[in-house]
Amino acid sequence: MSTSQRSSPAPGRVALIEAFWLDYQRERGVKVEGFSASALGHTRALADTLAELVASGIKRAHASLRRDFQQSLEPLPQPGEHLVVLDGDGRPAAIVRTTHVELRHFNEIDDAFAFDAGEGDMTLAWWLTAHRQDFAERAEREGFEIGEQTELVLEYFERAWPPDSPLAPGASGS
């Protein structure tokens, strides 16, 4: 594994993020007070992959460990909130608007969520294998327990910006 695959995503680039956000508001004619900016993956390589999936419109849901919100004292995402999705270098790739949030145990993840998450081959089997491995590695590294009853935060969203992507479903190529 290369260094860029093991290291955390770079911090957000404030000027780029603010310009991206202002472009969204100006072009869409919306006024939204406040937003968050974050990479969805915990390595640069994963953040790049997930940012590309979001920007293309393939990834429409994301799972996080509830313990992460509890430990950081951050509130859970709420419908209507916006997130600027960052790539592994901290550059903005897309803006999403949360549509629905729910809590589920790991063993309650279903085919529909795995498909909306848009990762791998978009099947439940792939999602479970990848996330069991990822969460187990984090648990070992950070010293916590992970199991089938581990509570996850499932965030469903729609891509709000950019309006079109050459990889988006239904987009026409030139």
N, C-alpha and C. Protein backbone atom coordinates (compact mmCIF):
# COMPACT_ATOMS: atom_id res chain seq x y z
N MET A 1 0.85 -1.19 0.00
CA MET A 1 0.00 0.00 0.00
C MET A 1 0.89 1.24 0.00
N SER A 2 0.61 2.17 -0.87
CA SER A 2 1.41 3.38 -0.95
C SER A 2 1.08 4.32 0.21
N THR A 3 1.95 5.28 0.43
CA THR A 3 1.72 6.25 1.50
C THR A 3 0.40 6.97 1.32
N SER A 4 0.08 7.33 0.05
CA SER A 4 -1.16 8.07 -0.16
C SER A 4 -2.39 7.23 0.15
N GLN A 5 -2.26 5.90 0.09
CA GLN A 5 -3.40 5.06 0.42
C GLN A 5 -3.56 4.90 1.92
N ARG A 6 -2.49 5.04 2.67
CA ARG A 6 -2.57 4.83 4.11
C ARG A 6 -2.82 6.12 4.88
N SER A 7 -2.46 7.23 4.32
CA SER A 7 -2.58 8.48 5.07
C SER A 7 -4.00 9.03 5.03
N SER A 8 -4.30 9.82 6.02
CA SER A 8 -5.62 10.45 6.10
C SER A 8 -5.80 11.44 4.97
N PRO A 9 -7.05 11.71 4.61
CA PRO A 9 -7.28 12.73 3.60
C PRO A 9 -6.70 14.06 4.04
N ALA A 10 -6.27 14.85 3.07
CA ALA A 10 -5.72 16.17 3.37
C ALA A 10 -6.82 17.07 3.92
N PRO A 11 -6.45 18.03 4.77
CA PRO A 11 -7.46 18.97 5.26
C PRO A 11 -8.06 19.75 4.08
N GLY A 12 -9.28 20.21 4.27
CA GLY A 12 -9.96 20.95 3.21
C GLY A 12 -9.22 22.22 2.84
N ARG A 13 -9.31 22.56 1.59
CA ARG A 13 -8.71 23.79 1.08
C ARG A 13 -9.79 24.86 1.10
N VAL A 14 -9.73 25.70 2.12
CA VAL A 14 -10.81 26.63 2.43
C VAL A 14 -11.22 27.49 1.24
N ALA A 15 -10.28 28.10 0.55
CA ALA A 15 -10.63 28.99 -0.56
C ALA A 15 -11.35 28.23 -1.67
N LEU A 16 -10.87 27.03 -2.00
CA LEU A 16 -11.52 26.23 -3.04
C LEU A 16 -12.92 25.81 -2.62
N ILE A 17 -13.06 25.41 -1.37
CA ILE A 17 -14.37 24.96 -0.86
C ILE A 17 -15.37 26.11 -0.86
N GLU A 18 -14.95 27.26 -0.37
CA GLU A 18 -15.86 28.42 -0.35
C GLU A 18 -16.28 28.83 -1.75
N ALA A 19 -15.35 28.84 -2.70
CA ALA A 19 -15.68 29.21 -4.08
C ALA A 19 -16.66 28.19 -4.68
N PHE A 20 -16.44 26.91 -4.42
CA PHE A 20 -17.32 25.85 -4.90
C PHE A 20 -18.73 26.04 -4.35
N TRP A 21 -18.80 26.34 -3.05
CA TRP A 21 -20.09 26.55 -2.38
C TRP A 21 -20.81 27.78 -2.94
N LEU A 22 -20.08 28.86 -3.14
CA LEU A 22 -20.68 30.08 -3.68
C LEU A 22 -21.15 29.88 -5.12
N ASP A 23 -20.39 29.13 -5.92
CA ASP A 23 -20.83 28.80 -7.28
C ASP A 23 -22.16 28.05 -7.24
N TYR A 24 -22.27 27.09 -6.35
CA TYR A 24 -23.51 26.31 -6.20
C TYR A 24 -24.69 27.24 -5.88
N GLN A 25 -24.52 28.09 -4.89
CA GLN A 25 -25.61 28.99 -4.49
C GLN A 25 -25.99 29.96 -5.61
N ARG A 26 -24.99 30.52 -6.26
CA ARG A 26 -25.24 31.49 -7.33
C ARG A 26 -25.91 30.81 -8.53
N GLU A 27 -25.40 29.70 -8.98
CA GLU A 27 -25.94 29.02 -10.17
C GLU A 27 -27.32 28.42 -9.92
N ARG A 28 -27.56 27.94 -8.71
CA ARG A 28 -28.85 27.34 -8.38
C ARG A 28 -29.86 28.34 -7.84
N GLY A 29 -29.40 29.55 -7.54
CA GLY A 29 -30.30 30.56 -7.01
C GLY A 29 -30.82 30.22 -5.63
N VAL A 30 -29.99 29.58 -4.82
CA VAL A 30 -30.39 29.20 -3.47
C VAL A 30 -29.54 29.96 -2.46
N LYS A 31 -30.12 30.19 -1.33
CA LYS A 31 -29.40 30.79 -0.21
C LYS A 31 -29.49 29.80 0.94
N VAL A 32 -28.38 29.21 1.27
CA VAL A 32 -28.34 28.22 2.35
C VAL A 32 -27.34 28.70 3.38
N GLU A 33 -27.79 28.79 4.61
CA GLU A 33 -26.90 29.21 5.69
C GLU A 33 -26.09 28.02 6.18
N GLY A 34 -24.83 28.05 5.92
CA GLY A 34 -23.92 27.06 6.47
C GLY A 34 -23.92 25.73 5.75
N PHE A 35 -22.80 25.06 5.87
CA PHE A 35 -22.60 23.74 5.30
C PHE A 35 -21.40 23.10 6.00
N SER A 36 -21.24 21.82 5.78
CA SER A 36 -20.06 21.10 6.27
C SER A 36 -19.24 20.70 5.07
N ALA A 37 -17.98 20.40 5.30
CA ALA A 37 -17.10 19.90 4.25
C ALA A 37 -16.28 18.77 4.84
N SER A 38 -16.26 17.64 4.13
CA SER A 38 -15.54 16.48 4.64
C SER A 38 -15.30 15.47 3.53
N ALA A 39 -14.24 14.69 3.69
CA ALA A 39 -14.03 13.53 2.84
C ALA A 39 -14.85 12.39 3.43
N LEU A 40 -15.38 11.51 2.60
CA LEU A 40 -16.15 10.38 3.09
C LEU A 40 -15.26 9.20 3.48
N GLY A 41 -14.09 9.11 2.95
CA GLY A 41 -13.18 8.01 3.29
C GLY A 41 -12.13 8.44 4.28
N HIS A 42 -11.54 7.47 4.98
CA HIS A 42 -10.54 7.80 5.98
C HIS A 42 -9.10 7.65 5.47
N THR A 43 -8.93 7.33 4.18
CA THR A 43 -7.63 7.37 3.53
C THR A 43 -7.78 8.23 2.28
N ARG A 44 -6.67 8.72 1.77
CA ARG A 44 -6.74 9.55 0.57
C ARG A 44 -7.30 8.76 -0.61
N ALA A 45 -6.87 7.53 -0.77
CA ALA A 45 -7.35 6.72 -1.90
C ALA A 45 -8.85 6.47 -1.80
N LEU A 46 -9.32 6.13 -0.61
CA LEU A 46 -10.75 5.88 -0.44
C LEU A 46 -11.55 7.17 -0.61
N ALA A 47 -11.03 8.27 -0.08
CA ALA A 47 -11.72 9.56 -0.25
C ALA A 47 -11.84 9.92 -1.73
N ASP A 48 -10.80 9.66 -2.50
CA ASP A 48 -10.85 9.92 -3.94
C ASP A 48 -11.91 9.07 -4.62
N THR A 49 -11.93 7.79 -4.30
CA THR A 49 -12.89 6.86 -4.90
C THR A 49 -14.32 7.26 -4.56
N LEU A 50 -14.58 7.53 -3.28
CA LEU A 50 -15.94 7.86 -2.86
C LEU A 50 -16.37 9.22 -3.41
N ALA A 51 -15.46 10.18 -3.48
CA ALA A 51 -15.79 11.50 -4.05
C ALA A 51 -16.18 11.35 -5.52
N GLU A 52 -15.47 10.51 -6.25
CA GLU A 52 -15.80 10.28 -7.66
C GLU A 52 -17.16 9.62 -7.80
N LEU A 53 -17.47 8.66 -6.94
CA LEU A 53 -18.77 8.00 -6.98
C LEU A 53 -19.91 8.97 -6.66
N VAL A 54 -19.68 9.88 -5.71
CA VAL A 54 -20.69 10.88 -5.37
C VAL A 54 -20.87 11.85 -6.53
N ALA A 55 -19.76 12.37 -7.06
CA ALA A 55 -19.83 13.35 -8.14
C ALA A 55 -20.51 12.77 -9.38
N SER A 56 -20.35 11.47 -9.61
CA SER A 56 -20.96 10.83 -10.78
C SER A 56 -22.43 10.50 -10.56
N GLY A 57 -22.91 10.62 -9.32
CA GLY A 57 -24.30 10.31 -9.01
C GLY A 57 -24.54 8.85 -8.69
N ILE A 58 -23.49 8.04 -8.66
CA ILE A 58 -23.64 6.61 -8.36
C ILE A 58 -23.86 6.40 -6.86
N LYS A 59 -23.06 7.06 -6.06
CA LYS A 59 -23.16 6.92 -4.60
C LYS A 59 -24.19 7.90 -4.07
N ARG A 60 -25.26 7.35 -3.45
CA ARG A 60 -26.35 8.17 -2.92
C ARG A 60 -26.63 7.89 -1.45
N ALA A 61 -25.72 7.15 -0.81
CA ALA A 61 -25.87 6.85 0.62
C ALA A 61 -24.50 6.53 1.19
N HIS A 62 -24.39 6.71 2.50
CA HIS A 62 -23.11 6.48 3.17
C HIS A 62 -23.38 5.99 4.60
N ALA A 63 -22.54 5.10 5.07
CA ALA A 63 -22.67 4.58 6.44
C ALA A 63 -21.48 5.04 7.27
N SER A 64 -21.76 5.44 8.49
CA SER A 64 -20.73 5.81 9.46
C SER A 64 -21.03 5.08 10.76
N LEU A 65 -20.00 4.89 11.56
CA LEU A 65 -20.20 4.33 12.89
C LEU A 65 -20.84 5.40 13.78
N ARG A 66 -21.87 5.02 14.49
CA ARG A 66 -22.51 5.98 15.39
C ARG A 66 -21.53 6.45 16.47
N ARG A 67 -20.63 5.57 16.87
CA ARG A 67 -19.65 5.93 17.91
C ARG A 67 -18.83 7.13 17.49
N ASP A 68 -18.60 7.33 16.18
CA ASP A 68 -17.83 8.48 15.73
C ASP A 68 -18.54 9.78 16.08
N PHE A 69 -19.85 9.80 15.91
CA PHE A 69 -20.62 11.00 16.25
C PHE A 69 -20.65 11.19 17.77
N GLN A 70 -20.79 10.09 18.50
CA GLN A 70 -20.85 10.17 19.96
C GLN A 70 -19.53 10.67 20.53
N GLN A 71 -18.42 10.16 19.99
CA GLN A 71 -17.12 10.56 20.51
C GLN A 71 -16.77 12.00 20.17
N SER A 72 -17.18 12.47 19.00
CA SER A 72 -16.86 13.84 18.59
C SER A 72 -17.90 14.85 19.10
N LEU A 73 -18.98 14.32 19.71
CA LEU A 73 -20.10 15.15 20.18
C LEU A 73 -20.77 15.91 19.04
N GLU A 74 -20.62 15.40 17.83
CA GLU A 74 -21.27 16.00 16.67
C GLU A 74 -22.70 15.49 16.56
N PRO A 75 -23.63 16.34 16.18
CA PRO A 75 -25.00 15.85 15.96
C PRO A 75 -25.06 14.99 14.71
N LEU A 76 -26.03 14.11 14.65
CA LEU A 76 -26.24 13.31 13.45
C LEU A 76 -26.66 14.22 12.31
N PRO A 77 -26.34 13.82 11.07
CA PRO A 77 -26.81 14.62 9.93
C PRO A 77 -28.33 14.70 9.95
N GLN A 78 -28.86 15.78 9.38
CA GLN A 78 -30.30 16.00 9.34
C GLN A 78 -30.74 16.24 7.89
N PRO A 79 -31.95 15.81 7.54
CA PRO A 79 -32.46 16.09 6.19
C PRO A 79 -32.39 17.58 5.89
N GLY A 80 -31.98 17.90 4.67
CA GLY A 80 -31.86 19.28 4.23
C GLY A 80 -30.47 19.86 4.40
N GLU A 81 -29.63 19.23 5.22
CA GLU A 81 -28.27 19.73 5.40
C GLU A 81 -27.44 19.44 4.15
N HIS A 82 -26.44 20.30 3.96
CA HIS A 82 -25.54 20.17 2.82
C HIS A 82 -24.15 19.76 3.28
N LEU A 83 -23.49 18.98 2.44
CA LEU A 83 -22.11 18.57 2.68
C LEU A 83 -21.32 18.76 1.40
N VAL A 84 -20.20 19.46 1.50
CA VAL A 84 -19.26 19.52 0.40
C VAL A 84 -18.36 18.30 0.55
N VAL A 85 -18.44 17.40 -0.42
CA VAL A 85 -17.66 16.17 -0.39
C VAL A 85 -16.27 16.47 -0.95
N LEU A 86 -15.25 16.15 -0.17
CA LEU A 86 -13.87 16.43 -0.54
C LEU A 86 -13.17 15.17 -1.04
N ASP A 87 -12.23 15.37 -1.95
CA ASP A 87 -11.41 14.24 -2.38
C ASP A 87 -10.25 14.06 -1.40
N GLY A 88 -9.35 13.16 -1.69
CA GLY A 88 -8.25 12.86 -0.79
C GLY A 88 -7.26 13.99 -0.60
N ASP A 89 -7.25 14.95 -1.53
CA ASP A 89 -6.38 16.11 -1.40
C ASP A 89 -7.09 17.31 -0.79
N GLY A 90 -8.33 17.11 -0.32
CA GLY A 90 -9.07 18.19 0.32
C GLY A 90 -9.76 19.13 -0.64
N ARG A 91 -9.84 18.74 -1.91
CA ARG A 91 -10.50 19.57 -2.92
C ARG A 91 -11.97 19.18 -3.02
N PRO A 92 -12.86 20.16 -3.24
CA PRO A 92 -14.29 19.85 -3.36
C PRO A 92 -14.58 19.08 -4.65
N ALA A 93 -15.40 18.03 -4.53
CA ALA A 93 -15.77 17.21 -5.68
C ALA A 93 -17.26 17.31 -5.98
N ALA A 94 -18.07 17.50 -4.94
CA ALA A 94 -19.52 17.55 -5.10
C ALA A 94 -20.14 18.16 -3.86
N ILE A 95 -21.39 18.58 -4.01
CA ILE A 95 -22.19 19.00 -2.86
C ILE A 95 -23.41 18.09 -2.84
N VAL A 96 -23.68 17.53 -1.67
CA VAL A 96 -24.87 16.69 -1.51
C VAL A 96 -25.80 17.31 -0.49
N ARG A 97 -27.09 16.98 -0.63
CA ARG A 97 -28.11 17.43 0.32
C ARG A 97 -28.69 16.17 0.94
N THR A 98 -28.65 16.09 2.26
CA THR A 98 -29.16 14.92 2.98
C THR A 98 -30.68 14.85 2.82
N THR A 99 -31.17 13.66 2.47
CA THR A 99 -32.61 13.46 2.29
C THR A 99 -33.22 12.62 3.41
N HIS A 100 -32.42 11.75 4.02
CA HIS A 100 -32.96 10.82 5.01
C HIS A 100 -31.81 10.27 5.83
N VAL A 101 -32.02 10.11 7.13
CA VAL A 101 -31.01 9.54 8.02
C VAL A 101 -31.69 8.50 8.88
N GLU A 102 -31.04 7.36 9.04
CA GLU A 102 -31.59 6.35 9.96
C GLU A 102 -30.46 5.61 10.66
N LEU A 103 -30.81 5.02 11.78
CA LEU A 103 -29.87 4.19 12.54
C LEU A 103 -30.22 2.74 12.30
N ARG A 104 -29.21 1.94 12.01
CA ARG A 104 -29.40 0.49 11.86
C ARG A 104 -28.19 -0.22 12.44
N HIS A 105 -28.43 -1.44 12.91
CA HIS A 105 -27.32 -2.29 13.32
C HIS A 105 -26.67 -2.84 12.07
N PHE A 106 -25.42 -3.20 12.20
CA PHE A 106 -24.66 -3.72 11.06
C PHE A 106 -25.40 -4.87 10.38
N ASN A 107 -26.00 -5.76 11.18
CA ASN A 107 -26.68 -6.93 10.61
C ASN A 107 -28.05 -6.60 10.01
N GLU A 108 -28.43 -5.33 10.00
CA GLU A 108 -29.70 -4.92 9.40
C GLU A 108 -29.53 -4.22 8.05
N ILE A 109 -28.30 -4.14 7.59
CA ILE A 109 -28.05 -3.54 6.27
C ILE A 109 -28.68 -4.45 5.22
N ASP A 110 -29.33 -3.84 4.23
CA ASP A 110 -30.02 -4.64 3.21
C ASP A 110 -29.50 -4.32 1.81
N ASP A 111 -30.04 -5.07 0.83
CA ASP A 111 -29.63 -4.90 -0.57
C ASP A 111 -29.84 -3.47 -1.05
N ALA A 112 -30.96 -2.87 -0.68
CA ALA A 112 -31.28 -1.53 -1.16
C ALA A 112 -30.23 -0.52 -0.69
N PHE A 113 -29.81 -0.61 0.57
CA PHE A 113 -28.80 0.32 1.06
C PHE A 113 -27.47 0.08 0.34
N ALA A 114 -27.07 -1.18 0.21
CA ALA A 114 -25.81 -1.50 -0.46
C ALA A 114 -25.80 -0.94 -1.88
N PHE A 115 -26.92 -1.03 -2.57
CA PHE A 115 -27.03 -0.49 -3.93
C PHE A 115 -26.89 1.03 -3.91
N ASP A 116 -27.60 1.70 -3.00
CA ASP A 116 -27.53 3.16 -2.91
C ASP A 116 -26.14 3.64 -2.49
N ALA A 117 -25.43 2.83 -1.71
CA ALA A 117 -24.07 3.20 -1.29
C ALA A 117 -23.12 3.24 -2.49
N GLY A 118 -23.44 2.46 -3.53
CA GLY A 118 -22.75 2.59 -4.81
C GLY A 118 -21.32 2.12 -4.86
N GLU A 119 -20.88 1.34 -3.90
CA GLU A 119 -19.48 0.92 -3.86
C GLU A 119 -19.31 -0.50 -4.40
N GLY A 120 -18.12 -0.79 -4.89
CA GLY A 120 -17.83 -2.14 -5.39
C GLY A 120 -18.79 -2.52 -6.49
N ASP A 121 -19.36 -3.74 -6.37
CA ASP A 121 -20.34 -4.18 -7.38
C ASP A 121 -21.77 -3.85 -6.95
N MET A 122 -21.89 -3.04 -5.91
CA MET A 122 -23.17 -2.52 -5.41
C MET A 122 -24.08 -3.60 -4.83
N THR A 123 -23.50 -4.73 -4.43
CA THR A 123 -24.29 -5.80 -3.82
C THR A 123 -24.10 -5.79 -2.31
N LEU A 124 -25.05 -6.40 -1.64
CA LEU A 124 -24.96 -6.53 -0.18
C LEU A 124 -23.74 -7.34 0.22
N ALA A 125 -23.46 -8.43 -0.48
CA ALA A 125 -22.30 -9.27 -0.15
C ALA A 125 -21.01 -8.46 -0.21
N TRP A 126 -20.84 -7.67 -1.26
CA TRP A 126 -19.63 -6.86 -1.39
C TRP A 126 -19.57 -5.84 -0.26
N TRP A 127 -20.68 -5.14 -0.02
CA TRP A 127 -20.70 -4.09 1.00
C TRP A 127 -20.34 -4.67 2.37
N LEU A 128 -20.97 -5.78 2.73
CA LEU A 128 -20.71 -6.38 4.04
C LEU A 128 -19.25 -6.81 4.19
N THR A 129 -18.70 -7.45 3.18
CA THR A 129 -17.31 -7.90 3.24
C THR A 129 -16.36 -6.71 3.41
N ALA A 130 -16.54 -5.70 2.57
CA ALA A 130 -15.65 -4.54 2.62
C ALA A 130 -15.76 -3.79 3.95
N HIS A 131 -16.98 -3.59 4.43
CA HIS A 131 -17.16 -2.81 5.65
C HIS A 131 -16.84 -3.60 6.91
N ARG A 132 -17.05 -4.90 6.90
CA ARG A 132 -16.61 -5.71 8.05
C ARG A 132 -15.10 -5.60 8.20
N GLN A 133 -14.39 -5.69 7.08
CA GLN A 133 -12.94 -5.59 7.12
C GLN A 133 -12.50 -4.20 7.57
N ASP A 134 -13.07 -3.17 6.96
CA ASP A 134 -12.69 -1.80 7.28
C ASP A 134 -12.97 -1.47 8.74
N PHE A 135 -14.18 -1.78 9.20
CA PHE A 135 -14.53 -1.46 10.58
C PHE A 135 -13.71 -2.30 11.57
N ALA A 136 -13.41 -3.55 11.23
CA ALA A 136 -12.60 -4.40 12.12
C ALA A 136 -11.18 -3.84 12.24
N GLU A 137 -10.61 -3.38 11.13
CA GLU A 137 -9.28 -2.78 11.18
C GLU A 137 -9.27 -1.53 12.03
N ARG A 138 -10.29 -0.70 11.88
CA ARG A 138 -10.39 0.51 12.71
C ARG A 138 -10.55 0.14 14.18
N ALA A 139 -11.40 -0.85 14.46
CA ALA A 139 -11.65 -1.26 15.85
C ALA A 139 -10.35 -1.74 16.50
N GLU A 140 -9.58 -2.52 15.77
CA GLU A 140 -8.32 -3.01 16.32
C GLU A 140 -7.35 -1.86 16.55
N ARG A 141 -7.25 -0.97 15.60
CA ARG A 141 -6.33 0.16 15.68
C ARG A 141 -6.73 1.14 16.79
N GLU A 142 -8.05 1.37 16.96
CA GLU A 142 -8.52 2.38 17.91
C GLU A 142 -8.98 1.79 19.23
N GLY A 143 -9.00 0.46 19.34
CA GLY A 143 -9.32 -0.18 20.61
C GLY A 143 -10.79 -0.19 20.99
N PHE A 144 -11.67 -0.52 20.05
CA PHE A 144 -13.07 -0.66 20.38
C PHE A 144 -13.60 -1.96 19.78
N GLU A 145 -14.78 -2.37 20.22
CA GLU A 145 -15.41 -3.60 19.76
C GLU A 145 -16.30 -3.33 18.56
N ILE A 146 -16.32 -4.26 17.63
CA ILE A 146 -17.19 -4.17 16.47
C ILE A 146 -17.91 -5.51 16.32
N GLY A 147 -19.15 -5.48 15.95
CA GLY A 147 -19.90 -6.72 15.78
C GLY A 147 -21.18 -6.47 15.01
N GLU A 148 -21.97 -7.50 14.90
CA GLU A 148 -23.21 -7.42 14.12
C GLU A 148 -24.23 -6.44 14.72
N GLN A 149 -24.11 -6.15 16.02
CA GLN A 149 -25.03 -5.22 16.67
C GLN A 149 -24.48 -3.79 16.73
N THR A 150 -23.33 -3.56 16.11
CA THR A 150 -22.76 -2.22 16.06
C THR A 150 -23.73 -1.29 15.35
N GLU A 151 -23.97 -0.13 15.94
CA GLU A 151 -24.94 0.80 15.37
C GLU A 151 -24.28 1.70 14.33
N LEU A 152 -24.94 1.80 13.19
CA LEU A 152 -24.46 2.62 12.08
C LEU A 152 -25.43 3.77 11.82
N VAL A 153 -24.90 4.87 11.33
CA VAL A 153 -25.70 5.99 10.87
C VAL A 153 -25.73 5.89 9.35
N LEU A 154 -26.92 5.71 8.79
CA LEU A 154 -27.07 5.64 7.34
C LEU A 154 -27.60 6.98 6.87
N GLU A 155 -26.83 7.61 6.02
CA GLU A 155 -27.21 8.92 5.49
C GLU A 155 -27.48 8.78 3.99
N TYR A 156 -28.69 9.11 3.60
CA TYR A 156 -29.08 9.10 2.19
C TYR A 156 -29.03 10.53 1.70
N PHE A 157 -28.58 10.72 0.47
CA PHE A 157 -28.45 12.08 -0.04
C PHE A 157 -28.65 12.11 -1.55
N GLU A 158 -28.83 13.34 -2.04
CA GLU A 158 -28.88 13.57 -3.48
C GLU A 158 -27.78 14.55 -3.85
N ARG A 159 -27.20 14.34 -5.02
CA ARG A 159 -26.15 15.26 -5.47
C ARG A 159 -26.82 16.56 -5.89
N ALA A 160 -26.37 17.65 -5.30
CA ALA A 160 -26.92 18.96 -5.61
C ALA A 160 -25.99 19.75 -6.55
N TRP A 161 -24.69 19.41 -6.52
CA TRP A 161 -23.71 20.12 -7.33
C TRP A 161 -22.50 19.26 -7.50
N PRO A 162 -21.85 19.20 -8.61
CA PRO A 162 -22.14 19.92 -9.83
C PRO A 162 -23.40 19.37 -10.50
N PRO A 163 -24.03 20.20 -11.34
CA PRO A 163 -25.31 19.79 -11.93
C PRO A 163 -25.17 18.59 -12.88
N ASP A 164 -24.10 18.53 -13.61
CA ASP A 164 -23.88 17.42 -14.53
C ASP A 164 -22.46 16.94 -14.39
N SER A 165 -22.31 15.65 -14.58
CA SER A 165 -20.98 15.06 -14.55
C SER A 165 -20.91 14.10 -15.71
N PRO A 166 -19.77 14.01 -16.39
CA PRO A 166 -19.66 13.09 -17.51
C PRO A 166 -19.90 11.64 -17.09
N LEU A 167 -19.75 11.33 -15.81
CA LEU A 167 -19.96 9.97 -15.35
C LEU A 167 -21.36 9.73 -14.78
N ALA A 168 -22.16 10.78 -14.70
CA ALA A 168 -23.48 10.66 -14.08
C ALA A 168 -24.40 9.79 -14.94
N PRO A 169 -25.26 8.99 -14.26
CA PRO A 169 -26.22 8.20 -15.00
C PRO A 169 -27.09 9.11 -15.87
N GLY A 170 -27.24 8.77 -17.13
CA GLY A 170 -28.09 9.53 -18.02
C GLY A 170 -27.41 10.74 -18.65
N ALA A 171 -26.16 11.03 -18.24
CA ALA A 171 -25.47 12.17 -18.84
C ALA A 171 -25.02 11.80 -20.25
N SER A 172 -25.14 12.74 -21.15
CA SER A 172 -24.71 12.45 -22.51
C SER A 172 -23.28 12.91 -22.69
N GLY A 173 -22.52 12.12 -23.39
CA GLY A 173 -21.12 12.48 -23.65
C GLY A 173 -21.04 13.37 -24.85
N SER A 174 -19.92 14.11 -24.99
CA SER A 174 -19.77 14.96 -26.17
C SER A 174 -18.88 14.30 -27.17
